[in-house]
């Protein structure tokens, strides 16, 4: 079902831009925000202690954005990307003006209709579920190189993932919500904050919170997802040939990273269970997941497809390697 066009009377959207030494690619991203078809937004920026020209560039755009550009003071720089986004989430929620918030990376380029498309879909699902329901809207991305040349027209296809098929249960094992293509409502912000120490990434934690409400995936690119070798979280070809090459180069390292991810996902799921209980929400599916993580390997293997949506090699290897640390 297609959402109706976003009305200009729709709630204000906060764009949450976390920056750190992003001068090289920042201007095209800011230009793409100014080029949005829906201009009823504010740009909240939190800088994590840049030593390049990032802040100079931001100040240079004050005239173009006017009062919509809000540069947050940051007395404790160097906290990292997760805490930088958490500051932005807190600021948007505490300010109380915007009902929806969209995360923004400093090195991408948004397509002109991104905010309008996500806002229209958010408006649709809130009209069905209510604004007091935690709601999240995300979409696909076009993967590009540093010169904005297309690597893949679809991030989901490039990663061999199926975000539309993800469930609250499967999101406990693998995140399929990309933060730079994510919009959330105030209720989700309130429920997600503060981010627990166990949160692997802010977008993953928001995706988990949406398991108690509504999550909608738009299967079309909303932005150009720039890959340049210094991405905090990037895209990589997950085709069988590329994966076998990586295993051949660094099999032990890959296995170690998978095991560490297993520890992280288990701790994150436990933190989610605590949060849901504190909010008085149903945590039965999280309890079921944690029980599965502790099962003997044969029983885990019998049910692993229910707990991981993604390439078969991914979910089988995780089931086997995570078992060793359960």
C-alpha atoms as a PDB file:
ATOM      1  CA  UNK A   1       0.000   0.000   0.000  1.00  0.00           C
ATOM      2  CA  UNK A   2       1.405   3.391  -1.003  1.00  0.00           C
ATOM      3  CA  UNK A   3       1.347   6.254   1.482  1.00  0.00           C
ATOM      4  CA  UNK A   4      -0.428   9.451   0.394  1.00  0.00           C
ATOM      5  CA  UNK A   5       1.787  12.496  -0.240  1.00  0.00           C
ATOM      6  CA  UNK A   6       3.110  14.195   2.872  1.00  0.00           C
ATOM      7  CA  UNK A   7       1.052  17.279   3.643  1.00  0.00           C
ATOM      8  CA  UNK A   8       2.911  20.515   4.306  1.00  0.00           C
ATOM      9  CA  UNK A   9       1.022  20.672   7.607  1.00  0.00           C
ATOM     10  CA  UNK A  10       2.745  17.446   8.676  1.00  0.00           C
ATOM     11  CA  UNK A  11       4.771  17.476  11.904  1.00  0.00           C
ATOM     12  CA  UNK A  12       8.223  19.021  11.907  1.00  0.00           C
ATOM     13  CA  UNK A  13      11.077  16.586  11.191  1.00  0.00           C
ATOM     14  CA  UNK A  14      14.416  16.812  12.980  1.00  0.00           C
ATOM     15  CA  UNK A  15      17.373  15.759  10.833  1.00  0.00           C
ATOM     16  CA  UNK A  16      20.043  14.435  13.200  1.00  0.00           C
ATOM     17  CA  UNK A  17      23.506  14.978  11.715  1.00  0.00           C
ATOM     18  CA  UNK A  18      26.501  13.556  13.603  1.00  0.00           C
ATOM     19  CA  UNK A  19      29.826  14.934  12.377  1.00  0.00           C
ATOM     20  CA  UNK A  20      33.490  14.204  12.954  1.00  0.00           C
ATOM     21  CA  UNK A  21      36.237  15.340  10.580  1.00  0.00           C
ATOM     22  CA  UNK A  22      33.794  15.165   7.695  1.00  0.00           C
ATOM     23  CA  UNK A  23      34.874  18.245   5.749  1.00  0.00           C
ATOM     24  CA  UNK A  24      35.723  16.354   2.568  1.00  0.00           C
ATOM     25  CA  UNK A  25      32.163  15.220   1.847  1.00  0.00           C
ATOM     26  CA  UNK A  26      29.998  17.413   4.073  1.00  0.00           C
ATOM     27  CA  UNK A  27      29.003  20.156   1.613  1.00  0.00           C
ATOM     28  CA  UNK A  28      27.270  17.824  -0.890  1.00  0.00           C
ATOM     29  CA  UNK A  29      25.252  16.314   1.949  1.00  0.00           C
ATOM     30  CA  UNK A  30      24.182  19.742   3.187  1.00  0.00           C
ATOM     31  CA  UNK A  31      23.258  20.728  -0.363  1.00  0.00           C
ATOM     32  CA  UNK A  32      21.123  17.603  -0.655  1.00  0.00           C
ATOM     33  CA  UNK A  33      19.244  18.591   2.499  1.00  0.00           C
ATOM     34  CA  UNK A  34      18.560  22.009   1.024  1.00  0.00           C
ATOM     35  CA  UNK A  35      17.298  20.214  -2.086  1.00  0.00           C
ATOM     36  CA  UNK A  36      14.669  18.144  -0.280  1.00  0.00           C
ATOM     37  CA  UNK A  37      11.167  18.460  -1.692  1.00  0.00           C
ATOM     38  CA  UNK A  38       9.901  18.596   1.900  1.00  0.00           C
ATOM     39  CA  UNK A  39      11.530  21.549   3.639  1.00  0.00           C
ATOM     40  CA  UNK A  40       9.645  21.463   6.948  1.00  0.00           C
ATOM     41  CA  UNK A  41      12.657  20.262   8.928  1.00  0.00           C
ATOM     42  CA  UNK A  42      15.360  21.404  11.319  1.00  0.00           C
ATOM     43  CA  UNK A  43      18.980  20.309  11.101  1.00  0.00           C
ATOM     44  CA  UNK A  44      20.419  19.391  14.499  1.00  0.00           C
ATOM     45  CA  UNK A  45      24.189  18.889  14.390  1.00  0.00           C
ATOM     46  CA  UNK A  46      26.454  17.352  17.010  1.00  0.00           C
ATOM     47  CA  UNK A  47      30.182  17.479  16.292  1.00  0.00           C
ATOM     48  CA  UNK A  48      32.452  15.046  18.118  1.00  0.00           C
ATOM     49  CA  UNK A  49      35.553  17.247  18.171  1.00  0.00           C
ATOM     50  CA  UNK A  50      36.484  17.746  14.525  1.00  0.00           C
ATOM     51  CA  UNK A  51      39.949  19.132  13.829  1.00  0.00           C
ATOM     52  CA  UNK A  52      39.391  19.765  10.119  1.00  0.00           C
ATOM     53  CA  UNK A  53      37.131  22.350   8.444  1.00  0.00           C
ATOM     54  CA  UNK A  54      33.856  20.637   9.402  1.00  0.00           C
ATOM     55  CA  UNK A  55      32.703  23.404  11.746  1.00  0.00           C
ATOM     56  CA  UNK A  56      33.736  26.127   9.301  1.00  0.00           C
ATOM     57  CA  UNK A  57      31.634  24.485   6.599  1.00  0.00           C
ATOM     58  CA  UNK A  58      28.641  24.246   8.914  1.00  0.00           C
ATOM     59  CA  UNK A  59      28.916  27.910   9.867  1.00  0.00           C
ATOM     60  CA  UNK A  60      29.168  28.747   6.175  1.00  0.00           C
ATOM     61  CA  UNK A  61      25.726  27.211   5.619  1.00  0.00           C
ATOM     62  CA  UNK A  62      23.984  29.245   8.331  1.00  0.00           C
ATOM     63  CA  UNK A  63      22.607  31.728   5.819  1.00  0.00           C
ATOM     64  CA  UNK A  64      21.167  28.956   3.644  1.00  0.00           C
ATOM     65  CA  UNK A  65      19.503  27.081   6.512  1.00  0.00           C
ATOM     66  CA  UNK A  66      18.690  30.073   8.689  1.00  0.00           C
ATOM     67  CA  UNK A  67      17.289  29.228  12.111  1.00  0.00           C
ATOM     68  CA  UNK A  68      16.734  25.642  11.016  1.00  0.00           C
ATOM     69  CA  UNK A  69      20.445  24.891  11.594  1.00  0.00           C
ATOM     70  CA  UNK A  70      21.053  24.131  15.273  1.00  0.00           C
ATOM     71  CA  UNK A  71      24.637  23.318  16.278  1.00  0.00           C
ATOM     72  CA  UNK A  72      24.555  21.601  19.658  1.00  0.00           C
ATOM     73  CA  UNK A  73      27.267  22.383  22.205  1.00  0.00           C
ATOM     74  CA  UNK A  74      29.324  19.292  22.990  1.00  0.00           C
ATOM     75  CA  UNK A  75      31.369  19.564  26.194  1.00  0.00           C
ATOM     76  CA  UNK A  76      32.529  15.920  26.029  1.00  0.00           C
ATOM     77  CA  UNK A  77      33.928  15.267  22.561  1.00  0.00           C
ATOM     78  CA  UNK A  78      35.543  12.029  21.467  1.00  0.00           C
ATOM     79  CA  UNK A  79      32.743   9.795  22.722  1.00  0.00           C
ATOM     80  CA  UNK A  80      32.252   8.052  19.376  1.00  0.00           C
ATOM     81  CA  UNK A  81      29.488   7.755  16.816  1.00  0.00           C
ATOM     82  CA  UNK A  82      26.929   5.951  19.005  1.00  0.00           C
ATOM     83  CA  UNK A  83      27.073   8.530  21.797  1.00  0.00           C
ATOM     84  CA  UNK A  84      27.151  11.358  19.268  1.00  0.00           C
ATOM     85  CA  UNK A  85      23.853  10.180  17.803  1.00  0.00           C
ATOM     86  CA  UNK A  86      22.502   9.612  21.304  1.00  0.00           C
ATOM     87  CA  UNK A  87      23.152  13.297  22.095  1.00  0.00           C
ATOM     88  CA  UNK A  88      21.144  14.253  19.020  1.00  0.00           C
ATOM     89  CA  UNK A  89      18.299  11.928  19.964  1.00  0.00           C
ATOM     90  CA  UNK A  90      18.187  13.394  23.480  1.00  0.00           C
ATOM     91  CA  UNK A  91      18.211  16.944  22.093  1.00  0.00           C
ATOM     92  CA  UNK A  92      15.357  16.277  19.689  1.00  0.00           C
ATOM     93  CA  UNK A  93      13.245  14.596  22.345  1.00  0.00           C
ATOM     94  CA  UNK A  94      13.922  17.223  25.035  1.00  0.00           C
ATOM     95  CA  UNK A  95      13.236  20.130  22.693  1.00  0.00           C
ATOM     96  CA  UNK A  96       9.774  18.791  21.971  1.00  0.00           C
ATOM     97  CA  UNK A  97       9.187  20.573  18.655  1.00  0.00           C
ATOM     98  CA  UNK A  98       9.640  17.730  16.158  1.00  0.00           C
ATOM     99  CA  UNK A  99       7.521  14.582  16.188  1.00  0.00           C
ATOM    100  CA  UNK A 100       9.795  12.642  13.845  1.00  0.00           C
ATOM    101  CA  UNK A 101      13.583  12.374  13.621  1.00  0.00           C
ATOM    102  CA  UNK A 102      15.750  11.174  10.722  1.00  0.00           C
ATOM    103  CA  UNK A 103      19.378  10.145  11.243  1.00  0.00           C
ATOM    104  CA  UNK A 104      21.885  11.633   8.813  1.00  0.00           C
ATOM    105  CA  UNK A 105      25.492  10.704   8.005  1.00  0.00           C
ATOM    106  CA  UNK A 106      27.976  13.399   7.019  1.00  0.00           C
ATOM    107  CA  UNK A 107      29.255  11.711   3.861  1.00  0.00           C
ATOM    108  CA  UNK A 108      26.100  10.642   1.994  1.00  0.00           C
ATOM    109  CA  UNK A 109      23.841  12.463  -0.457  1.00  0.00           C
ATOM    110  CA  UNK A 110      20.092  12.337   0.098  1.00  0.00           C
ATOM    111  CA  UNK A 111      17.809  11.988  -2.899  1.00  0.00           C
ATOM    112  CA  UNK A 112      15.337  14.907  -3.153  1.00  0.00           C
ATOM    113  CA  UNK A 113      12.254  12.963  -2.069  1.00  0.00           C
ATOM    114  CA  UNK A 114      13.750  11.182   0.954  1.00  0.00           C
ATOM    115  CA  UNK A 115      12.118  13.165   3.741  1.00  0.00           C
ATOM    116  CA  UNK A 116       8.815  13.406   1.877  1.00  0.00           C
ATOM    117  CA  UNK A 117       8.651   9.657   1.248  1.00  0.00           C
ATOM    118  CA  UNK A 118       9.562   8.678   4.789  1.00  0.00           C
ATOM    119  CA  UNK A 119       7.319  11.312   6.311  1.00  0.00           C
ATOM    120  CA  UNK A 120       4.358  10.146   4.236  1.00  0.00           C
ATOM    121  CA  UNK A 121       4.920   6.551   5.311  1.00  0.00           C
ATOM    122  CA  UNK A 122       5.347   7.574   8.952  1.00  0.00           C
ATOM    123  CA  UNK A 123       2.134   9.546   8.716  1.00  0.00           C
ATOM    124  CA  UNK A 124       0.373   6.464   7.322  1.00  0.00           C
ATOM    125  CA  UNK A 125       1.530   3.992   9.969  1.00  0.00           C
ATOM    126  CA  UNK A 126       0.949   6.448  12.817  1.00  0.00           C
ATOM    127  CA  UNK A 127      -2.599   6.971  11.557  1.00  0.00           C
ATOM    128  CA  UNK A 128      -3.114   3.213  11.861  1.00  0.00           C
ATOM    129  CA  UNK A 129      -1.189   2.432  15.039  1.00  0.00           C
ATOM    130  CA  UNK A 130      -1.314   5.793  16.834  1.00  0.00           C
ATOM    131  CA  UNK A 131       1.442   8.260  17.636  1.00  0.00           C
ATOM    132  CA  UNK A 132       1.908   6.574  21.026  1.00  0.00           C
ATOM    133  CA  UNK A 133       3.178   3.465  19.239  1.00  0.00           C
ATOM    134  CA  UNK A 134       6.934   3.326  18.557  1.00  0.00           C
ATOM    135  CA  UNK A 135       7.244   3.624  14.773  1.00  0.00           C
ATOM    136  CA  UNK A 136      10.240   3.359  12.452  1.00  0.00           C
ATOM    137  CA  UNK A 137      10.477   3.847   8.683  1.00  0.00           C
ATOM    138  CA  UNK A 138      13.572   2.855   6.714  1.00  0.00           C
ATOM    139  CA  UNK A 139      14.469   2.259   3.102  1.00  0.00           C
ATOM    140  CA  UNK A 140      16.987   1.068   0.569  1.00  0.00           C
ATOM    141  CA  UNK A 141      20.137   2.928  -0.516  1.00  0.00           C
ATOM    142  CA  UNK A 142      22.177   3.232  -3.690  1.00  0.00           C
ATOM    143  CA  UNK A 143      25.772   2.229  -2.969  1.00  0.00           C
ATOM    144  CA  UNK A 144      28.268   4.620  -4.589  1.00  0.00           C
ATOM    145  CA  UNK A 145      32.005   5.219  -4.480  1.00  0.00           C
ATOM    146  CA  UNK A 146      33.666   8.384  -3.238  1.00  0.00           C
ATOM    147  CA  UNK A 147      32.985  10.083  -6.591  1.00  0.00           C
ATOM    148  CA  UNK A 148      29.287   9.111  -6.392  1.00  0.00           C
ATOM    149  CA  UNK A 149      29.632   6.518  -9.151  1.00  0.00           C
ATOM    150  CA  UNK A 150      27.167   3.667  -8.660  1.00  0.00           C
ATOM    151  CA  UNK A 151      28.559   0.442  -7.213  1.00  0.00           C
ATOM    152  CA  UNK A 152      25.132  -1.113  -6.737  1.00  0.00           C
ATOM    153  CA  UNK A 153      21.673   0.409  -7.234  1.00  0.00           C
ATOM    154  CA  UNK A 154      20.450  -1.467  -4.162  1.00  0.00           C
ATOM    155  CA  UNK A 155      22.211  -1.807  -0.804  1.00  0.00           C
ATOM    156  CA  UNK A 156      19.876  -4.670   0.116  1.00  0.00           C
ATOM    157  CA  UNK A 157      20.776  -6.590  -3.039  1.00  0.00           C
ATOM    158  CA  UNK A 158      24.479  -5.804  -2.601  1.00  0.00           C
ATOM    159  CA  UNK A 159      24.404  -7.138   0.957  1.00  0.00           C
ATOM    160  CA  UNK A 160      22.150 -10.102   0.039  1.00  0.00           C
ATOM    161  CA  UNK A 161      19.666  -9.051   2.715  1.00  0.00           C
ATOM    162  CA  UNK A 162      15.882  -8.815   2.796  1.00  0.00           C
ATOM    163  CA  UNK A 163      14.851  -6.018   5.192  1.00  0.00           C
ATOM    164  CA  UNK A 164      11.165  -6.483   4.408  1.00  0.00           C
ATOM    165  CA  UNK A 165      11.360 -10.070   5.676  1.00  0.00           C
ATOM    166  CA  UNK A 166      13.085  -9.147   8.944  1.00  0.00           C
ATOM    167  CA  UNK A 167      11.115  -9.745  12.126  1.00  0.00           C
ATOM    168  CA  UNK A 168      11.413  -8.512  15.693  1.00  0.00           C
ATOM    169  CA  UNK A 169      12.940 -11.906  16.447  1.00  0.00           C
ATOM    170  CA  UNK A 170      15.469 -11.942  13.601  1.00  0.00           C
ATOM    171  CA  UNK A 171      16.587  -8.366  14.314  1.00  0.00           C
ATOM    172  CA  UNK A 172      18.026  -9.638  17.577  1.00  0.00           C
ATOM    173  CA  UNK A 173      20.657 -11.492  15.529  1.00  0.00           C
ATOM    174  CA  UNK A 174      21.270  -9.130  12.622  1.00  0.00           C
ATOM    175  CA  UNK A 175      20.433  -5.496  12.026  1.00  0.00           C
ATOM    176  CA  UNK A 176      18.663  -4.702   8.763  1.00  0.00           C
ATOM    177  CA  UNK A 177      17.909  -1.048   9.522  1.00  0.00           C
ATOM    178  CA  UNK A 178      20.553   1.315   8.129  1.00  0.00           C
ATOM    179  CA  UNK A 179      20.701   4.429  10.285  1.00  0.00           C
ATOM    180  CA  UNK A 180      21.189   6.954   7.489  1.00  0.00           C
ATOM    181  CA  UNK A 181      17.945   5.696   5.908  1.00  0.00           C
ATOM    182  CA  UNK A 182      15.967   5.633   9.171  1.00  0.00           C
ATOM    183  CA  UNK A 183      13.205   7.850  10.547  1.00  0.00           C
ATOM    184  CA  UNK A 184      11.604   7.344  13.971  1.00  0.00           C
ATOM    185  CA  UNK A 185       8.800   8.976  15.909  1.00  0.00           C
ATOM    186  CA  UNK A 186       9.002  10.628  19.324  1.00  0.00           C
ATOM    187  CA  UNK A 187       7.548   7.618  21.096  1.00  0.00           C
ATOM    188  CA  UNK A 188      10.354   5.439  19.813  1.00  0.00           C
ATOM    189  CA  UNK A 189      12.935   8.051  20.835  1.00  0.00           C
ATOM    190  CA  UNK A 190      11.494   8.136  24.333  1.00  0.00           C
ATOM    191  CA  UNK A 191      11.539   4.348  24.644  1.00  0.00           C
ATOM    192  CA  UNK A 192      15.034   3.991  23.159  1.00  0.00           C
ATOM    193  CA  UNK A 193      16.718   6.528  25.430  1.00  0.00           C
ATOM    194  CA  UNK A 194      19.064   6.343  27.130  1.00  0.00           C
ATOM    195  CA  UNK A 195      20.989   3.986  24.877  1.00  0.00           C
ATOM    196  CA  UNK A 196      22.340   1.188  27.084  1.00  0.00           C
ATOM    197  CA  UNK A 197      26.066   0.416  27.072  1.00  0.00           C
ATOM    198  CA  UNK A 198      25.199  -2.868  25.359  1.00  0.00           C
ATOM    199  CA  UNK A 199      23.694  -1.136  22.302  1.00  0.00           C
ATOM    200  CA  UNK A 200      25.935  -2.096  19.380  1.00  0.00           C
ATOM    201  CA  UNK A 201      24.786   0.832  17.229  1.00  0.00           C
ATOM    202  CA  UNK A 202      22.080   3.467  17.680  1.00  0.00           C
ATOM    203  CA  UNK A 203      20.183   2.305  14.588  1.00  0.00           C
ATOM    204  CA  UNK A 204      20.214  -1.332  15.673  1.00  0.00           C
ATOM    205  CA  UNK A 205      18.864  -0.382  19.096  1.00  0.00           C
ATOM    206  CA  UNK A 206      16.094   1.678  17.497  1.00  0.00           C
ATOM    207  CA  UNK A 207      15.275  -1.269  15.246  1.00  0.00           C
ATOM    208  CA  UNK A 208      14.940  -3.480  18.317  1.00  0.00           C
ATOM    209  CA  UNK A 209      12.663  -0.984  20.050  1.00  0.00           C
ATOM    210  CA  UNK A 210      10.469  -0.924  16.936  1.00  0.00           C
ATOM    211  CA  UNK A 211       9.781  -4.601  17.597  1.00  0.00           C
ATOM    212  CA  UNK A 212       7.246  -3.405  20.165  1.00  0.00           C
ATOM    213  CA  UNK A 213       5.505  -1.208  17.608  1.00  0.00           C
ATOM    214  CA  UNK A 214       5.584  -0.719  13.857  1.00  0.00           C
ATOM    215  CA  UNK A 215       8.450  -0.879  11.373  1.00  0.00           C
ATOM    216  CA  UNK A 216       7.968  -0.166   7.661  1.00  0.00           C
ATOM    217  CA  UNK A 217      10.509  -0.689   4.880  1.00  0.00           C
ATOM    218  CA  UNK A 218      10.437   1.342   1.664  1.00  0.00           C
ATOM    219  CA  UNK A 219      11.998  -0.879  -1.046  1.00  0.00           C
ATOM    220  CA  UNK A 220      13.503   1.955  -3.055  1.00  0.00           C
ATOM    221  CA  UNK A 221      16.703   3.966  -2.657  1.00  0.00           C
ATOM    222  CA  UNK A 222      16.387   7.073  -0.498  1.00  0.00           C
ATOM    223  CA  UNK A 223      19.996   8.246  -0.704  1.00  0.00           C
ATOM    224  CA  UNK A 224      23.434   7.727  -2.197  1.00  0.00           C
ATOM    225  CA  UNK A 225      25.452   5.716   0.338  1.00  0.00           C
ATOM    226  CA  UNK A 226      29.027   6.851  -0.206  1.00  0.00           C
ATOM    227  CA  UNK A 227      31.846   4.332   0.311  1.00  0.00           C
ATOM    228  CA  UNK A 228      35.304   5.831   0.748  1.00  0.00           C
ATOM    229  CA  UNK A 229      37.370   3.561   2.965  1.00  0.00           C
ATOM    230  CA  UNK A 230      36.821   5.489   6.197  1.00  0.00           C
ATOM    231  CA  UNK A 231      33.135   4.750   6.795  1.00  0.00           C
ATOM    232  CA  UNK A 232      32.118   4.058  10.386  1.00  0.00           C
ATOM    233  CA  UNK A 233      29.816   1.348   9.040  1.00  0.00           C
ATOM    234  CA  UNK A 234      30.042   0.567   5.349  1.00  0.00           C
ATOM    235  CA  UNK A 235      28.785  -1.729   2.635  1.00  0.00           C
ATOM    236  CA  UNK A 236      30.578  -4.736   1.263  1.00  0.00           C
ATOM    237  CA  UNK A 237      29.788  -7.256  -1.425  1.00  0.00           C
ATOM    238  CA  UNK A 238      28.400 -10.327   0.314  1.00  0.00           C
ATOM    239  CA  UNK A 239      28.354 -12.562  -2.744  1.00  0.00           C
ATOM    240  CA  UNK A 240      29.776 -16.058  -2.293  1.00  0.00           C
ATOM    241  CA  UNK A 241      32.974 -15.339  -4.238  1.00  0.00           C
ATOM    242  CA  UNK A 242      33.766 -12.170  -2.266  1.00  0.00           C
ATOM    243  CA  UNK A 243      33.031 -13.890   1.022  1.00  0.00           C
ATOM    244  CA  UNK A 244      35.266 -16.859   0.191  1.00  0.00           C
ATOM    245  CA  UNK A 245      38.072 -14.467  -0.744  1.00  0.00           C
ATOM    246  CA  UNK A 246      37.755 -12.709   2.627  1.00  0.00           C
ATOM    247  CA  UNK A 247      37.780 -16.044   4.429  1.00  0.00           C
ATOM    248  CA  UNK A 248      40.881 -17.066   2.505  1.00  0.00           C
ATOM    249  CA  UNK A 249      42.681 -13.849   3.427  1.00  0.00           C
ATOM    250  CA  UNK A 250      41.710 -13.744   7.096  1.00  0.00           C
ATOM    251  CA  UNK A 251      39.631 -16.724   8.146  1.00  0.00           C
ATOM    252  CA  UNK A 252      40.722 -16.552  11.786  1.00  0.00           C
ATOM    253  CA  UNK A 253      39.938 -12.847  11.968  1.00  0.00           C
ATOM    254  CA  UNK A 254      36.496 -13.344  10.446  1.00  0.00           C
ATOM    255  CA  UNK A 255      35.713 -16.110  12.942  1.00  0.00           C
ATOM    256  CA  UNK A 256      36.861 -13.933  15.850  1.00  0.00           C
ATOM    257  CA  UNK A 257      34.670 -11.031  14.712  1.00  0.00           C
ATOM    258  CA  UNK A 258      31.662 -13.329  14.361  1.00  0.00           C
ATOM    259  CA  UNK A 259      32.198 -14.717  17.873  1.00  0.00           C
ATOM    260  CA  UNK A 260      32.508 -11.207  19.314  1.00  0.00           C
ATOM    261  CA  UNK A 261      29.339 -10.201  17.509  1.00  0.00           C
ATOM    262  CA  UNK A 262      27.666 -13.200  19.108  1.00  0.00           C
ATOM    263  CA  UNK A 263      28.626 -11.971  22.552  1.00  0.00           C
ATOM    264  CA  UNK A 264      27.452  -8.485  21.661  1.00  0.00           C
ATOM    265  CA  UNK A 265      24.071  -9.570  20.324  1.00  0.00           C
ATOM    266  CA  UNK A 266      23.394 -11.669  23.397  1.00  0.00           C
ATOM    267  CA  UNK A 267      24.242  -8.776  25.730  1.00  0.00           C
ATOM    268  CA  UNK A 268      22.159  -6.398  23.602  1.00  0.00           C
ATOM    269  CA  UNK A 269      19.179  -8.758  23.716  1.00  0.00           C
ATOM    270  CA  UNK A 270      19.459  -8.948  27.499  1.00  0.00           C
ATOM    271  CA  UNK A 271      19.496  -5.144  27.662  1.00  0.00           C
ATOM    272  CA  UNK A 272      16.399  -5.036  25.453  1.00  0.00           C
ATOM    273  CA  UNK A 273      14.616  -7.472  27.735  1.00  0.00           C
ATOM    274  CA  UNK A 274      15.388  -5.239  30.715  1.00  0.00           C
ATOM    275  CA  UNK A 275      14.169  -2.144  28.851  1.00  0.00           C
ATOM    276  CA  UNK A 276      10.897  -3.780  27.776  1.00  0.00           C
ATOM    277  CA  UNK A 277      10.232  -4.951  31.317  1.00  0.00           C
ATOM    278  CA  UNK A 278      10.931  -1.459  32.663  1.00  0.00           C
ATOM    279  CA  UNK A 279       8.416  -0.071  30.154  1.00  0.00           C
ATOM    280  CA  UNK A 280       5.833  -2.713  31.040  1.00  0.00           C
ATOM    281  CA  UNK A 281       5.942  -4.240  27.546  1.00  0.00           C
ATOM    282  CA  UNK A 282       5.857  -7.854  26.389  1.00  0.00           C
ATOM    283  CA  UNK A 283       9.329  -9.405  26.342  1.00  0.00           C
ATOM    284  CA  UNK A 284       8.287 -12.982  25.558  1.00  0.00           C
ATOM    285  CA  UNK A 285       9.938 -13.057  22.136  1.00  0.00           C
ATOM    286  CA  UNK A 286      13.225 -11.808  23.593  1.00  0.00           C
ATOM    287  CA  UNK A 287      13.060 -14.445  26.315  1.00  0.00           C
ATOM    288  CA  UNK A 288      12.452 -17.069  23.625  1.00  0.00           C
ATOM    289  CA  UNK A 289      15.474 -15.825  21.701  1.00  0.00           C
ATOM    290  CA  UNK A 290      17.739 -15.890  24.751  1.00  0.00           C
ATOM    291  CA  UNK A 291      16.528 -19.396  25.573  1.00  0.00           C
ATOM    292  CA  UNK A 292      17.372 -20.477  22.011  1.00  0.00           C
ATOM    293  CA  UNK A 293      20.872 -19.055  22.397  1.00  0.00           C
ATOM    294  CA  UNK A 294      21.402 -21.406  25.365  1.00  0.00           C
ATOM    295  CA  UNK A 295      20.029 -24.559  23.731  1.00  0.00           C
ATOM    296  CA  UNK A 296      22.270 -27.507  22.855  1.00  0.00           C
ATOM    297  CA  UNK A 297      23.669 -27.156  19.355  1.00  0.00           C
ATOM    298  CA  UNK A 298      21.398 -29.775  17.697  1.00  0.00           C
ATOM    299  CA  UNK A 299      18.274 -27.952  18.919  1.00  0.00           C
ATOM    300  CA  UNK A 300      19.707 -24.611  17.885  1.00  0.00           C
ATOM    301  CA  UNK A 301      20.429 -25.917  14.406  1.00  0.00           C
ATOM    302  CA  UNK A 302      16.880 -27.200  14.066  1.00  0.00           C
ATOM    303  CA  UNK A 303      15.462 -23.694  14.514  1.00  0.00           C
ATOM    304  CA  UNK A 304      18.186 -21.261  13.449  1.00  0.00           C
ATOM    305  CA  UNK A 305      16.349 -20.059  10.323  1.00  0.00           C
ATOM    306  CA  UNK A 306      13.681 -18.504  12.563  1.00  0.00           C
ATOM    307  CA  UNK A 307      16.254 -16.345  14.307  1.00  0.00           C
ATOM    308  CA  UNK A 308      18.267 -14.952  11.411  1.00  0.00           C
ATOM    309  CA  UNK A 309      17.053 -13.479   8.118  1.00  0.00           C
ATOM    310  CA  UNK A 310      19.927 -13.287   5.664  1.00  0.00           C
ATOM    311  CA  UNK A 311      22.283 -15.334   3.500  1.00  0.00           C
ATOM    312  CA  UNK A 312      22.340 -19.014   4.440  1.00  0.00           C
ATOM    313  CA  UNK A 313      26.096 -19.061   5.002  1.00  0.00           C
ATOM    314  CA  UNK A 314      25.771 -16.106   7.375  1.00  0.00           C
ATOM    315  CA  UNK A 315      23.101 -17.553   9.586  1.00  0.00           C
ATOM    316  CA  UNK A 316      24.572 -21.058   9.687  1.00  0.00           C
ATOM    317  CA  UNK A 317      28.066 -19.816  10.563  1.00  0.00           C
ATOM    318  CA  UNK A 318      26.674 -17.606  13.301  1.00  0.00           C
ATOM    319  CA  UNK A 319      24.643 -20.434  14.738  1.00  0.00           C
ATOM    320  CA  UNK A 320      27.761 -22.601  14.917  1.00  0.00           C
ATOM    321  CA  UNK A 321      30.220 -19.968  16.142  1.00  0.00           C
ATOM    322  CA  UNK A 322      27.868 -18.273  18.583  1.00  0.00           C
ATOM    323  CA  UNK A 323      27.205 -21.643  20.202  1.00  0.00           C
ATOM    324  CA  UNK A 324      30.784 -21.772  21.446  1.00  0.00           C
ATOM    325  CA  UNK A 325      30.297 -18.589  23.493  1.00  0.00           C
ATOM    326  CA  UNK A 326      26.738 -19.102  24.684  1.00  0.00           C
END
